[in-house]
Amino acid sequence: MTESMIERVARILEPQAWDTTRDSLAYQNRRISSLRKARTVFEAILKPTDGMVANGSWAPNGCGEVGSTGAKNAYTKMIAYVLAEQVVG
């Protein structure tokens, strides 16, 4: 199974918890905690700011309009996908 984006962020937030040489209950709990923290990060960025939408609007195929719904929808769908991924922890 490939690493999910949430797991990738969890590993960055708490690398010690993902040390494969340590698999005690305490480390398993730390991994679960780091996955929850990472998920919270994506929940926090689910809705793009106006500046993000404006900047994304000028990206290729972003329609070139400030506040482009195409850019906003694409961003929201990408983050929603990350949140819907099944994470093995």
PDB file of N, CA and C in Angstrom:
ATOM      1  N   MET A   1       0.846  -1.186   0.000  1.00  0.00           N
ATOM      2  CA  MET A   1       0.000   0.000   0.000  1.00  0.00           C
ATOM      3  C   MET A   1       0.886   1.242   0.000  1.00  0.00           C
ATOM      4  N   THR A   2       0.518   2.215  -0.796  1.00  0.00           N
ATOM      5  CA  THR A   2       1.301   3.446  -0.848  1.00  0.00           C
ATOM      6  C   THR A   2       0.971   4.333   0.346  1.00  0.00           C
ATOM      7  N   GLU A   3       1.914   5.149   0.681  1.00  0.00           N
ATOM      8  CA  GLU A   3       1.758   6.064   1.801  1.00  0.00           C
ATOM      9  C   GLU A   3       0.736   7.151   1.449  1.00  0.00           C
ATOM     10  N   SER A   4      -0.217   7.371   2.332  1.00  0.00           N
ATOM     11  CA  SER A   4      -1.201   8.433   2.103  1.00  0.00           C
ATOM     12  C   SER A   4      -0.571   9.780   2.457  1.00  0.00           C
ATOM     13  N   MET A   5      -1.198  10.844   1.996  1.00  0.00           N
ATOM     14  CA  MET A   5      -0.705  12.187   2.308  1.00  0.00           C
ATOM     15  C   MET A   5      -0.790  12.436   3.813  1.00  0.00           C
ATOM     16  N   ILE A   6      -1.839  11.944   4.447  1.00  0.00           N
ATOM     17  CA  ILE A   6      -1.972  12.129   5.897  1.00  0.00           C
ATOM     18  C   ILE A   6      -0.831  11.420   6.612  1.00  0.00           C
ATOM     19  N   GLU A   7      -0.505  10.206   6.192  1.00  0.00           N
ATOM     20  CA  GLU A   7       0.609   9.492   6.821  1.00  0.00           C
ATOM     21  C   GLU A   7       1.928  10.218   6.568  1.00  0.00           C
ATOM     22  N   ARG A   8       2.097  10.748   5.370  1.00  0.00           N
ATOM     23  CA  ARG A   8       3.327  11.481   5.048  1.00  0.00           C
ATOM     24  C   ARG A   8       3.513  12.659   6.004  1.00  0.00           C
ATOM     25  N   VAL A   9       2.437  13.416   6.231  1.00  0.00           N
ATOM     26  CA  VAL A   9       2.507  14.563   7.137  1.00  0.00           C
ATOM     27  C   VAL A   9       2.711  14.086   8.576  1.00  0.00           C
ATOM     28  N   ALA A  10       2.046  13.010   8.964  1.00  0.00           N
ATOM     29  CA  ALA A  10       2.209  12.468  10.324  1.00  0.00           C
ATOM     30  C   ALA A  10       3.657  12.073  10.585  1.00  0.00           C
ATOM     31  N   ARG A  11       4.296  11.486   9.595  1.00  0.00           N
ATOM     32  CA  ARG A  11       5.708  11.086   9.742  1.00  0.00           C
ATOM     33  C   ARG A  11       6.617  12.307   9.905  1.00  0.00           C
ATOM     34  N   ILE A  12       6.261  13.398   9.244  1.00  0.00           N
ATOM     35  CA  ILE A  12       7.047  14.628   9.377  1.00  0.00           C
ATOM     36  C   ILE A  12       6.810  15.263  10.744  1.00  0.00           C
ATOM     37  N   LEU A  13       5.557  15.247  11.203  1.00  0.00           N
ATOM     38  CA  LEU A  13       5.230  15.859  12.493  1.00  0.00           C
ATOM     39  C   LEU A  13       5.890  15.137  13.664  1.00  0.00           C
ATOM     40  N   GLU A  14       5.945  13.815  13.582  1.00  0.00           N
ATOM     41  CA  GLU A  14       6.469  13.036  14.698  1.00  0.00           C
ATOM     42  C   GLU A  14       7.287  11.837  14.206  1.00  0.00           C
ATOM     43  N   PRO A  15       8.476  12.098  13.676  1.00  0.00           N
ATOM     44  CA  PRO A  15       9.270  11.019  13.082  1.00  0.00           C
ATOM     45  C   PRO A  15       9.640   9.901  14.060  1.00  0.00           C
ATOM     46  N   GLN A  16       9.820  10.235  15.327  1.00  0.00           N
ATOM     47  CA  GLN A  16      10.200   9.210  16.300  1.00  0.00           C
ATOM     48  C   GLN A  16       9.109   8.150  16.456  1.00  0.00           C
ATOM     49  N   ALA A  17       7.872   8.545  16.310  1.00  0.00           N
ATOM     50  CA  ALA A  17       6.757   7.614  16.460  1.00  0.00           C
ATOM     51  C   ALA A  17       6.746   6.570  15.350  1.00  0.00           C
ATOM     52  N   TRP A  18       7.395   6.866  14.244  1.00  0.00           N
ATOM     53  CA  TRP A  18       7.379   5.981  13.086  1.00  0.00           C
ATOM     54  C   TRP A  18       8.654   5.156  12.968  1.00  0.00           C
ATOM     55  N   ASP A  19       9.464   5.162  14.015  1.00  0.00           N
ATOM     56  CA  ASP A  19      10.679   4.348  14.063  1.00  0.00           C
ATOM     57  C   ASP A  19      10.257   2.877  14.090  1.00  0.00           C
ATOM     58  N   THR A  20      10.543   2.160  13.020  1.00  0.00           N
ATOM     59  CA  THR A  20      10.070   0.780  12.898  1.00  0.00           C
ATOM     60  C   THR A  20      10.767  -0.188  13.852  1.00  0.00           C
ATOM     61  N   THR A  21      11.846   0.223  14.473  1.00  0.00           N
ATOM     62  CA  THR A  21      12.516  -0.655  15.428  1.00  0.00           C
ATOM     63  C   THR A  21      11.811  -0.636  16.781  1.00  0.00           C
ATOM     64  N   ARG A  22      10.904   0.309  16.937  1.00  0.00           N
ATOM     65  CA  ARG A  22      10.160   0.431  18.191  1.00  0.00           C
ATOM     66  C   ARG A  22       8.676   0.237  17.884  1.00  0.00           C
ATOM     67  N   ASP A  23       8.131  -0.849  18.364  1.00  0.00           N
ATOM     68  CA  ASP A  23       6.734  -1.125  18.049  1.00  0.00           C
ATOM     69  C   ASP A  23       5.931  -1.413  19.316  1.00  0.00           C
ATOM     70  N   SER A  24       6.274  -0.754  20.393  1.00  0.00           N
ATOM     71  CA  SER A  24       5.533  -0.942  21.637  1.00  0.00           C
ATOM     72  C   SER A  24       4.179  -0.257  21.535  1.00  0.00           C
ATOM     73  N   LEU A  25       3.324  -0.525  22.491  1.00  0.00           N
ATOM     74  CA  LEU A  25       2.006   0.098  22.525  1.00  0.00           C
ATOM     75  C   LEU A  25       2.132   1.623  22.584  1.00  0.00           C
ATOM     76  N   ALA A  26       3.121   2.100  23.319  1.00  0.00           N
ATOM     77  CA  ALA A  26       3.334   3.549  23.421  1.00  0.00           C
ATOM     78  C   ALA A  26       3.635   4.153  22.047  1.00  0.00           C
ATOM     79  N   TYR A  27       4.459   3.486  21.248  1.00  0.00           N
ATOM     80  CA  TYR A  27       4.782   3.996  19.917  1.00  0.00           C
ATOM     81  C   TYR A  27       3.598   3.871  18.975  1.00  0.00           C
ATOM     82  N   GLN A  28       2.816   2.815  19.105  1.00  0.00           N
ATOM     83  CA  GLN A  28       1.601   2.678  18.298  1.00  0.00           C
ATOM     84  C   GLN A  28       0.636   3.822  18.621  1.00  0.00           C
ATOM     85  N   ASN A  29       0.513   4.154  19.902  1.00  0.00           N
ATOM     86  CA  ASN A  29      -0.349   5.273  20.303  1.00  0.00           C
ATOM     87  C   ASN A  29       0.176   6.599  19.771  1.00  0.00           C
ATOM     88  N   ARG A  30       1.496   6.769  19.758  1.00  0.00           N
ATOM     89  CA  ARG A  30       2.086   7.993  19.213  1.00  0.00           C
ATOM     90  C   ARG A  30       1.826   8.102  17.719  1.00  0.00           C
ATOM     91  N   ARG A  31       1.872   6.963  17.018  1.00  0.00           N
ATOM     92  CA  ARG A  31       1.576   6.986  15.582  1.00  0.00           C
ATOM     93  C   ARG A  31       0.122   7.397  15.350  1.00  0.00           C
ATOM     94  N   ILE A  32      -0.788   6.820  16.125  1.00  0.00           N
ATOM     95  CA  ILE A  32      -2.205   7.181  15.999  1.00  0.00           C
ATOM     96  C   ILE A  32      -2.397   8.661  16.284  1.00  0.00           C
ATOM     97  N   SER A  33      -1.737   9.171  17.315  1.00  0.00           N
ATOM     98  CA  SER A  33      -1.832  10.585  17.660  1.00  0.00           C
ATOM     99  C   SER A  33      -1.294  11.456  16.526  1.00  0.00           C
ATOM    100  N   SER A  34      -0.179  11.053  15.922  1.00  0.00           N
ATOM    101  CA  SER A  34       0.391  11.851  14.833  1.00  0.00           C
ATOM    102  C   SER A  34      -0.525  11.830  13.611  1.00  0.00           C
ATOM    103  N   LEU A  35      -1.217  10.728  13.359  1.00  0.00           N
ATOM    104  CA  LEU A  35      -2.174  10.663  12.257  1.00  0.00           C
ATOM    105  C   LEU A  35      -3.349  11.605  12.509  1.00  0.00           C
ATOM    106  N   ARG A  36      -3.808  11.668  13.751  1.00  0.00           N
ATOM    107  CA  ARG A  36      -4.908  12.585  14.084  1.00  0.00           C
ATOM    108  C   ARG A  36      -4.483  14.038  13.896  1.00  0.00           C
ATOM    109  N   LYS A  37      -3.267  14.351  14.317  1.00  0.00           N
ATOM    110  CA  LYS A  37      -2.755  15.720  14.145  1.00  0.00           C
ATOM    111  C   LYS A  37      -2.650  16.075  12.665  1.00  0.00           C
ATOM    112  N   ALA A  38      -2.142  15.148  11.870  1.00  0.00           N
ATOM    113  CA  ALA A  38      -2.000  15.397  10.440  1.00  0.00           C
ATOM    114  C   ALA A  38      -3.364  15.603   9.795  1.00  0.00           C
ATOM    115  N   ARG A  39      -4.341  14.815  10.184  1.00  0.00           N
ATOM    116  CA  ARG A  39      -5.694  14.967   9.639  1.00  0.00           C
ATOM    117  C   ARG A  39      -6.252  16.353   9.992  1.00  0.00           C
ATOM    118  N   THR A  40      -5.973  16.804  11.206  1.00  0.00           N
ATOM    119  CA  THR A  40      -6.419  18.122  11.640  1.00  0.00           C
ATOM    120  C   THR A  40      -5.815  19.220  10.767  1.00  0.00           C
ATOM    121  N   VAL A  41      -4.566  19.035  10.360  1.00  0.00           N
ATOM    122  CA  VAL A  41      -3.916  19.996   9.463  1.00  0.00           C
ATOM    123  C   VAL A  41      -4.713  20.117   8.168  1.00  0.00           C
ATOM    124  N   PHE A  42      -5.079  18.978   7.586  1.00  0.00           N
ATOM    125  CA  PHE A  42      -5.815  19.020   6.317  1.00  0.00           C
ATOM    126  C   PHE A  42      -7.226  19.552   6.500  1.00  0.00           C
ATOM    127  N   GLU A  43      -7.838  19.274   7.632  1.00  0.00           N
ATOM    128  CA  GLU A  43      -9.162  19.844   7.896  1.00  0.00           C
ATOM    129  C   GLU A  43      -9.071  21.363   7.978  1.00  0.00           C
ATOM    130  N   ALA A  44      -7.964  21.855   8.549  1.00  0.00           N
ATOM    131  CA  ALA A  44      -7.781  23.300   8.692  1.00  0.00           C
ATOM    132  C   ALA A  44      -7.579  23.982   7.345  1.00  0.00           C
ATOM    133  N   ILE A  45      -6.985  23.290   6.387  1.00  0.00           N
ATOM    134  CA  ILE A  45      -6.717  23.920   5.086  1.00  0.00           C
ATOM    135  C   ILE A  45      -7.731  23.501   4.021  1.00  0.00           C
ATOM    136  N   LEU A  46      -8.790  22.849   4.422  1.00  0.00           N
ATOM    137  CA  LEU A  46      -9.789  22.388   3.459  1.00  0.00           C
ATOM    138  C   LEU A  46     -10.381  23.537   2.654  1.00  0.00           C
ATOM    139  N   LYS A  47     -10.677  24.640   3.303  1.00  0.00           N
ATOM    140  CA  LYS A  47     -11.262  25.782   2.609  1.00  0.00           C
ATOM    141  C   LYS A  47     -10.136  26.763   2.270  1.00  0.00           C
ATOM    142  N   PRO A  48      -9.897  26.995   0.978  1.00  0.00           N
ATOM    143  CA  PRO A  48      -8.803  27.897   0.610  1.00  0.00           C
ATOM    144  C   PRO A  48      -9.124  29.345   0.974  1.00  0.00           C
ATOM    145  N   THR A  49      -8.076  30.102   1.220  1.00  0.00           N
ATOM    146  CA  THR A  49      -8.252  31.526   1.480  1.00  0.00           C
ATOM    147  C   THR A  49      -8.503  32.234   0.144  1.00  0.00           C
ATOM    148  N   ASP A  50      -8.979  33.460   0.218  1.00  0.00           N
ATOM    149  CA  ASP A  50      -9.211  34.234  -0.998  1.00  0.00           C
ATOM    150  C   ASP A  50      -7.919  34.400  -1.795  1.00  0.00           C
ATOM    151  N   GLY A  51      -6.813  34.604  -1.084  1.00  0.00           N
ATOM    152  CA  GLY A  51      -5.520  34.765  -1.754  1.00  0.00           C
ATOM    153  C   GLY A  51      -5.098  33.496  -2.488  1.00  0.00           C
ATOM    154  N   MET A  52      -5.357  32.344  -1.878  1.00  0.00           N
ATOM    155  CA  MET A  52      -5.018  31.079  -2.531  1.00  0.00           C
ATOM    156  C   MET A  52      -5.837  30.901  -3.800  1.00  0.00           C
ATOM    157  N   VAL A  53      -7.113  31.217  -3.732  1.00  0.00           N
ATOM    158  CA  VAL A  53      -7.985  31.077  -4.898  1.00  0.00           C
ATOM    159  C   VAL A  53      -7.544  32.046  -5.992  1.00  0.00           C
ATOM    160  N   ALA A  54      -7.245  33.272  -5.608  1.00  0.00           N
ATOM    161  CA  ALA A  54      -6.814  34.267  -6.591  1.00  0.00           C
ATOM    162  C   ALA A  54      -5.515  33.823  -7.259  1.00  0.00           C
ATOM    163  N   ASN A  55      -4.573  33.326  -6.484  1.00  0.00           N
ATOM    164  CA  ASN A  55      -3.296  32.881  -7.032  1.00  0.00           C
ATOM    165  C   ASN A  55      -3.496  31.651  -7.910  1.00  0.00           C
ATOM    166  N   GLY A  56      -4.312  30.716  -7.472  1.00  0.00           N
ATOM    167  CA  GLY A  56      -4.587  29.515  -8.251  1.00  0.00           C
ATOM    168  C   GLY A  56      -5.349  29.797  -9.518  1.00  0.00           C
ATOM    169  N   SER A  57      -6.081  30.895  -9.538  1.00  0.00           N
ATOM    170  CA  SER A  57      -6.870  31.250 -10.709  1.00  0.00           C
ATOM    171  C   SER A  57      -5.985  31.561 -11.908  1.00  0.00           C
ATOM    172  N   TRP A  58      -4.763  31.989 -11.648  1.00  0.00           N
ATOM    173  CA  TRP A  58      -3.858  32.348 -12.738  1.00  0.00           C
ATOM    174  C   TRP A  58      -2.968  31.192 -13.140  1.00  0.00           C
ATOM    175  N   ALA A  59      -3.126  30.053 -12.473  1.00  0.00           N
ATOM    176  CA  ALA A  59      -2.375  28.863 -12.857  1.00  0.00           C
ATOM    177  C   ALA A  59      -2.913  28.351 -14.196  1.00  0.00           C
ATOM    178  N   PRO A  60      -2.135  27.543 -14.914  1.00  0.00           N
ATOM    179  CA  PRO A  60      -2.636  27.001 -16.181  1.00  0.00           C
ATOM    180  C   PRO A  60      -4.010  26.347 -15.982  1.00  0.00           C
ATOM    181  N   ASN A  61      -4.923  26.631 -16.864  1.00  0.00           N
ATOM    182  CA  ASN A  61      -6.295  26.112 -16.839  1.00  0.00           C
ATOM    183  C   ASN A  61      -7.098  26.617 -15.644  1.00  0.00           C
ATOM    184  N   GLY A  62      -6.639  27.683 -15.006  1.00  0.00           N
ATOM    185  CA  GLY A  62      -7.381  28.247 -13.885  1.00  0.00           C
ATOM    186  C   GLY A  62      -8.363  29.321 -14.312  1.00  0.00           C
ATOM    187  N   CYS A  63      -8.534  29.497 -15.572  1.00  0.00           N
ATOM    188  CA  CYS A  63      -9.484  30.435 -16.184  1.00  0.00           C
ATOM    189  C   CYS A  63      -8.995  31.873 -16.193  1.00  0.00           C
ATOM    190  N   GLY A  64      -7.964  32.209 -15.411  1.00  0.00           N
ATOM    191  CA  GLY A  64      -7.428  33.552 -15.426  1.00  0.00           C
ATOM    192  C   GLY A  64      -8.323  34.590 -14.798  1.00  0.00           C
ATOM    193  N   GLU A  65      -9.271  34.178 -14.014  1.00  0.00           N
ATOM    194  CA  GLU A  65     -10.156  35.120 -13.345  1.00  0.00           C
ATOM    195  C   GLU A  65      -9.926  35.023 -11.846  1.00  0.00           C
ATOM    196  N   VAL A  66      -9.758  36.158 -11.209  1.00  0.00           N
ATOM    197  CA  VAL A  66      -9.581  36.150  -9.759  1.00  0.00           C
ATOM    198  C   VAL A  66     -10.842  35.574  -9.131  1.00  0.00           C
ATOM    199  N   GLY A  67     -10.650  34.605  -8.257  1.00  0.00           N
ATOM    200  CA  GLY A  67     -11.795  33.959  -7.619  1.00  0.00           C
ATOM    201  C   GLY A  67     -12.401  32.867  -8.476  1.00  0.00           C
ATOM    202  N   SER A  68     -11.639  32.396  -9.428  1.00  0.00           N
ATOM    203  CA  SER A  68     -12.122  31.352 -10.333  1.00  0.00           C
ATOM    204  C   SER A  68     -12.672  30.167  -9.554  1.00  0.00           C
ATOM    205  N   THR A  69     -13.888  29.777  -9.897  1.00  0.00           N
ATOM    206  CA  THR A  69     -14.469  28.609  -9.221  1.00  0.00           C
ATOM    207  C   THR A  69     -13.726  27.345  -9.607  1.00  0.00           C
ATOM    208  N   GLY A  70     -13.096  27.335 -10.776  1.00  0.00           N
ATOM    209  CA  GLY A  70     -12.322  26.162 -11.184  1.00  0.00           C
ATOM    210  C   GLY A  70     -11.162  25.913 -10.247  1.00  0.00           C
ATOM    211  N   ALA A  71     -10.424  26.970  -9.920  1.00  0.00           N
ATOM    212  CA  ALA A  71      -9.286  26.831  -9.007  1.00  0.00           C
ATOM    213  C   ALA A  71      -9.760  26.435  -7.610  1.00  0.00           C
ATOM    214  N   LYS A  72     -10.808  27.076  -7.143  1.00  0.00           N
ATOM    215  CA  LYS A  72     -11.323  26.791  -5.803  1.00  0.00           C
ATOM    216  C   LYS A  72     -11.835  25.356  -5.721  1.00  0.00           C
ATOM    217  N   ASN A  73     -12.585  24.938  -6.729  1.00  0.00           N
ATOM    218  CA  ASN A  73     -13.122  23.584  -6.716  1.00  0.00           C
ATOM    219  C   ASN A  73     -12.029  22.536  -6.796  1.00  0.00           C
ATOM    220  N   ALA A  74     -11.016  22.772  -7.629  1.00  0.00           N
ATOM    221  CA  ALA A  74      -9.919  21.817  -7.756  1.00  0.00           C
ATOM    222  C   ALA A  74      -9.185  21.670  -6.427  1.00  0.00           C
ATOM    223  N   TYR A  75      -8.876  22.771  -5.788  1.00  0.00           N
ATOM    224  CA  TYR A  75      -8.173  22.741  -4.507  1.00  0.00           C
ATOM    225  C   TYR A  75      -8.998  22.002  -3.452  1.00  0.00           C
ATOM    226  N   THR A  76     -10.272  22.359  -3.344  1.00  0.00           N
ATOM    227  CA  THR A  76     -11.139  21.736  -2.345  1.00  0.00           C
ATOM    228  C   THR A  76     -11.262  20.244  -2.597  1.00  0.00           C
ATOM    229  N   LYS A  77     -11.390  19.839  -3.849  1.00  0.00           N
ATOM    230  CA  LYS A  77     -11.506  18.424  -4.177  1.00  0.00           C
ATOM    231  C   LYS A  77     -10.227  17.662  -3.841  1.00  0.00           C
ATOM    232  N   MET A  78      -9.071  18.284  -4.052  1.00  0.00           N
ATOM    233  CA  MET A  78      -7.813  17.616  -3.722  1.00  0.00           C
ATOM    234  C   MET A  78      -7.686  17.388  -2.218  1.00  0.00           C
ATOM    235  N   ILE A  79      -8.002  18.390  -1.425  1.00  0.00           N
ATOM    236  CA  ILE A  79      -7.916  18.234   0.031  1.00  0.00           C
ATOM    237  C   ILE A  79      -8.982  17.261   0.521  1.00  0.00           C
ATOM    238  N   ALA A  80     -10.177  17.319  -0.029  1.00  0.00           N
ATOM    239  CA  ALA A  80     -11.232  16.380   0.354  1.00  0.00           C
ATOM    240  C   ALA A  80     -10.811  14.943   0.051  1.00  0.00           C
ATOM    241  N   TYR A  81     -10.117  14.742  -1.053  1.00  0.00           N
ATOM    242  CA  TYR A  81      -9.609  13.413  -1.395  1.00  0.00           C
ATOM    243  C   TYR A  81      -8.637  12.929  -0.325  1.00  0.00           C
ATOM    244  N   VAL A  82      -7.738  13.809   0.087  1.00  0.00           N
ATOM    245  CA  VAL A  82      -6.761  13.441   1.131  1.00  0.00           C
ATOM    246  C   VAL A  82      -7.501  13.035   2.406  1.00  0.00           C
ATOM    247  N   LEU A  83      -8.521  13.784   2.778  1.00  0.00           N
ATOM    248  CA  LEU A  83      -9.269  13.485   4.000  1.00  0.00           C
ATOM    249  C   LEU A  83     -10.062  12.195   3.887  1.00  0.00           C
ATOM    250  N   ALA A  84     -10.410  11.792   2.675  1.00  0.00           N
ATOM    251  CA  ALA A  84     -11.210  10.573   2.488  1.00  0.00           C
ATOM    252  C   ALA A  84     -10.337   9.322   2.385  1.00  0.00           C
ATOM    253  N   GLU A  85      -9.024   9.499   2.207  1.00  0.00           N
ATOM    254  CA  GLU A  85      -8.129   8.337   2.085  1.00  0.00           C
ATOM    255  C   GLU A  85      -8.183   7.484   3.339  1.00  0.00           C
ATOM    256  N   GLN A  86      -8.085   6.194   3.134  1.00  0.00           N
ATOM    257  CA  GLN A  86      -8.003   5.271   4.259  1.00  0.00           C
ATOM    258  C   GLN A  86      -6.554   5.232   4.735  1.00  0.00           C
ATOM    259  N   VAL A  87      -6.353   5.503   6.011  1.00  0.00           N
ATOM    260  CA  VAL A  87      -5.009   5.558   6.573  1.00  0.00           C
ATOM    261  C   VAL A  87      -4.800   4.362   7.476  1.00  0.00           C
ATOM    262  N   VAL A  88      -3.735   3.640   7.230  1.00  0.00           N
ATOM    263  CA  VAL A  88      -3.385   2.508   8.083  1.00  0.00           C
ATOM    264  C   VAL A  88      -2.485   3.038   9.171  1.00  0.00           C
ATOM    265  N   GLY A  89      -2.862   2.878  10.398  1.00  0.00           N
ATOM    266  CA  GLY A  89      -2.061   3.403  11.493  1.00  0.00           C
ATOM    267  C   GLY A  89      -1.969   2.415  12.529  1.00  0.00           C
TER     268      GLY A  89
END
